[in-house]
């Protein structure tokens, strides 16, 4: 099933993340979710992290991943779990999007208006290195002891 078909049945009213909430002011409204859910909605964190989310070359990806990981650590140290989780999501998304561009030319898996996929392996091999940089930073964030502790507590308290 294509992403377009999934989004066709999407019910925004039931989606846990909203773009009109300031999650720094109302962090209790944030939900961890799975994977990258809500990453492009949760303000002000999205706007703070997004400018550094780049992966065009391995050098650019390294700067982006390092900067986002630094933001991750700052959020943890400031007891802003929402920001830390958002930074973790951006690191994960750096990996998944880099892989998409590595696998498919232009980062497009599906042909327009079709379930037919483009040829896998037609993408940019440089993005493989970018993906590995983001993958390492993502896993380092997920395994951070303070993050793991805060995530358990957050999920118990808020879901």
Protein backbone atom coordinates (compact mmCIF):
# COMPACT_ATOMS: atom_id res chain seq x y z
CA UNK A 1 0.00 0.00 0.00
CA UNK A 2 1.38 3.39 -0.88
CA UNK A 3 1.78 6.27 1.54
CA UNK A 4 -0.84 8.17 -0.43
CA UNK A 5 -3.42 5.44 0.15
CA UNK A 6 -2.61 5.33 3.87
CA UNK A 7 -2.97 9.09 4.19
CA UNK A 8 -6.30 9.03 2.35
CA UNK A 9 -7.89 7.29 5.34
CA UNK A 10 -5.99 9.34 7.88
CA UNK A 11 -8.15 10.82 10.67
CA UNK A 12 -6.33 13.92 11.91
CA UNK A 13 -8.67 14.33 14.87
CA UNK A 14 -7.43 11.02 16.31
CA UNK A 15 -3.74 11.76 15.73
CA UNK A 16 -1.91 12.35 19.03
CA UNK A 17 0.28 15.21 17.79
CA UNK A 18 -1.04 18.64 16.88
CA UNK A 19 0.72 21.52 15.18
CA UNK A 20 -1.14 24.18 17.18
CA UNK A 21 0.23 23.15 20.61
CA UNK A 22 3.36 24.60 22.16
CA UNK A 23 4.83 21.42 23.63
CA UNK A 24 7.30 23.39 25.73
CA UNK A 25 4.40 25.10 27.49
CA UNK A 26 2.22 21.98 27.55
CA UNK A 27 4.62 19.02 27.56
CA UNK A 28 2.03 16.77 29.21
CA UNK A 29 0.15 16.71 25.87
CA UNK A 30 3.09 15.03 24.12
CA UNK A 31 3.01 11.31 23.42
CA UNK A 32 6.14 9.30 22.61
CA UNK A 33 4.48 7.17 19.93
CA UNK A 34 6.32 4.87 17.56
CA UNK A 35 9.27 5.73 15.41
CA UNK A 36 9.07 9.19 13.88
CA UNK A 37 5.41 9.94 14.61
CA UNK A 38 4.71 13.63 15.14
CA UNK A 39 8.25 14.72 14.29
CA UNK A 40 7.17 17.44 11.87
CA UNK A 41 4.37 18.78 14.05
CA UNK A 42 5.63 19.33 17.59
CA UNK A 43 6.61 22.94 18.11
CA UNK A 44 8.80 24.64 19.17
CA UNK A 45 11.12 21.64 18.96
CA UNK A 46 10.54 21.02 15.27
CA UNK A 47 11.67 24.54 14.42
CA UNK A 48 14.69 24.28 16.72
CA UNK A 49 15.93 20.98 15.28
CA UNK A 50 14.82 21.00 11.63
CA UNK A 51 17.44 23.51 10.37
CA UNK A 52 20.20 21.01 11.24
CA UNK A 53 18.53 17.95 9.68
CA UNK A 54 20.58 17.57 6.50
CA UNK A 55 22.17 14.60 4.75
CA UNK A 56 23.16 15.63 1.23
CA UNK A 57 26.78 14.51 1.76
CA UNK A 58 28.41 12.54 4.57
CA UNK A 59 30.16 15.71 5.72
CA UNK A 60 26.89 17.62 5.93
CA UNK A 61 25.22 14.63 7.59
CA UNK A 62 27.98 14.47 10.22
CA UNK A 63 27.50 18.13 11.14
CA UNK A 64 23.73 17.66 11.24
CA UNK A 65 23.82 14.50 13.32
CA UNK A 66 26.38 15.95 15.73
CA UNK A 67 24.38 19.15 16.17
CA UNK A 68 21.09 17.31 16.69
CA UNK A 69 22.75 14.95 19.16
CA UNK A 70 24.10 17.98 21.03
CA UNK A 71 20.56 19.41 21.16
CA UNK A 72 19.39 16.01 22.42
CA UNK A 73 21.89 16.17 25.29
CA UNK A 74 20.94 19.76 26.12
CA UNK A 75 17.25 18.86 26.26
CA UNK A 76 18.02 15.93 28.56
CA UNK A 77 20.15 18.07 30.86
CA UNK A 78 17.38 20.70 30.99
CA UNK A 79 14.80 18.03 31.84
CA UNK A 80 12.96 18.60 28.54
CA UNK A 81 12.09 15.06 27.61
CA UNK A 82 9.87 16.19 24.72
CA UNK A 83 12.80 17.99 23.08
CA UNK A 84 15.08 15.01 23.65
CA UNK A 85 12.56 12.64 22.12
CA UNK A 86 12.04 14.96 19.17
CA UNK A 87 15.81 15.14 18.60
CA UNK A 88 15.92 11.33 18.74
CA UNK A 89 13.14 11.22 16.14
CA UNK A 90 15.05 13.59 13.85
CA UNK A 91 18.14 11.38 14.14
CA UNK A 92 16.01 8.36 13.23
CA UNK A 93 14.46 10.27 10.34
CA UNK A 94 17.95 11.26 9.16
CA UNK A 95 18.71 7.56 8.86
CA UNK A 96 15.44 6.54 7.20
CA UNK A 97 15.41 9.39 4.69
CA UNK A 98 19.07 8.95 3.80
CA UNK A 99 18.37 5.26 3.17
CA UNK A 100 15.40 6.14 0.98
CA UNK A 101 17.63 8.37 -1.16
CA UNK A 102 20.31 5.67 -1.20
CA UNK A 103 17.80 3.08 -2.38
CA UNK A 104 15.75 5.10 -4.85
CA UNK A 105 16.69 7.85 -7.29
CA UNK A 106 15.34 11.13 -5.97
CA UNK A 107 14.16 9.40 -2.81
CA UNK A 108 10.94 8.30 -4.48
CA UNK A 109 9.93 4.71 -3.93
CA UNK A 110 6.57 4.71 -5.74
CA UNK A 111 5.74 5.84 -9.24
CA UNK A 112 3.16 8.66 -9.36
CA UNK A 113 -0.46 7.50 -8.98
CA UNK A 114 0.61 3.86 -8.80
CA UNK A 115 1.52 1.04 -6.44
CA UNK A 116 4.46 0.26 -8.73
CA UNK A 117 7.86 0.97 -7.21
CA UNK A 118 10.91 2.39 -8.84
CA UNK A 119 13.94 0.14 -9.14
CA UNK A 120 15.67 -0.36 -5.80
CA UNK A 121 19.36 0.41 -5.97
CA UNK A 122 18.88 3.29 -8.38
CA UNK A 123 19.63 5.89 -5.71
CA UNK A 124 22.65 7.83 -4.56
CA UNK A 125 25.36 5.60 -3.03
CA UNK A 126 26.76 8.57 -1.10
CA UNK A 127 23.58 8.59 0.97
CA UNK A 128 24.55 5.18 2.41
CA UNK A 129 27.32 6.89 4.37
CA UNK A 130 24.97 9.68 5.44
CA UNK A 131 22.53 7.05 6.65
CA UNK A 132 25.20 5.26 8.68
CA UNK A 133 26.16 8.55 10.38
CA UNK A 134 22.56 9.23 11.41
CA UNK A 135 22.04 5.59 12.40
CA UNK A 136 24.99 5.70 14.83
CA UNK A 137 23.76 8.95 16.40
CA UNK A 138 20.17 7.65 16.63
CA UNK A 139 21.25 4.46 18.39
CA UNK A 140 23.54 6.41 20.72
CA UNK A 141 20.58 8.61 21.68
CA UNK A 142 18.24 5.67 22.20
CA UNK A 143 20.76 3.95 24.46
CA UNK A 144 21.55 7.02 26.56
CA UNK A 145 20.79 6.02 30.19
CA UNK A 146 19.09 9.30 31.13
CA UNK A 147 16.94 9.21 27.99
CA UNK A 148 15.89 5.62 28.69
CA UNK A 149 14.98 6.52 32.26
CA UNK A 150 13.03 9.62 31.26
CA UNK A 151 11.21 7.74 28.51
CA UNK A 152 10.01 5.04 30.91
CA UNK A 153 8.80 7.65 33.38
CA UNK A 154 7.15 9.72 30.65
CA UNK A 155 5.25 6.74 29.24
CA UNK A 156 4.06 5.74 32.73
CA UNK A 157 2.85 9.26 33.45
CA UNK A 158 1.50 10.40 30.08
CA UNK A 159 1.51 7.52 27.63
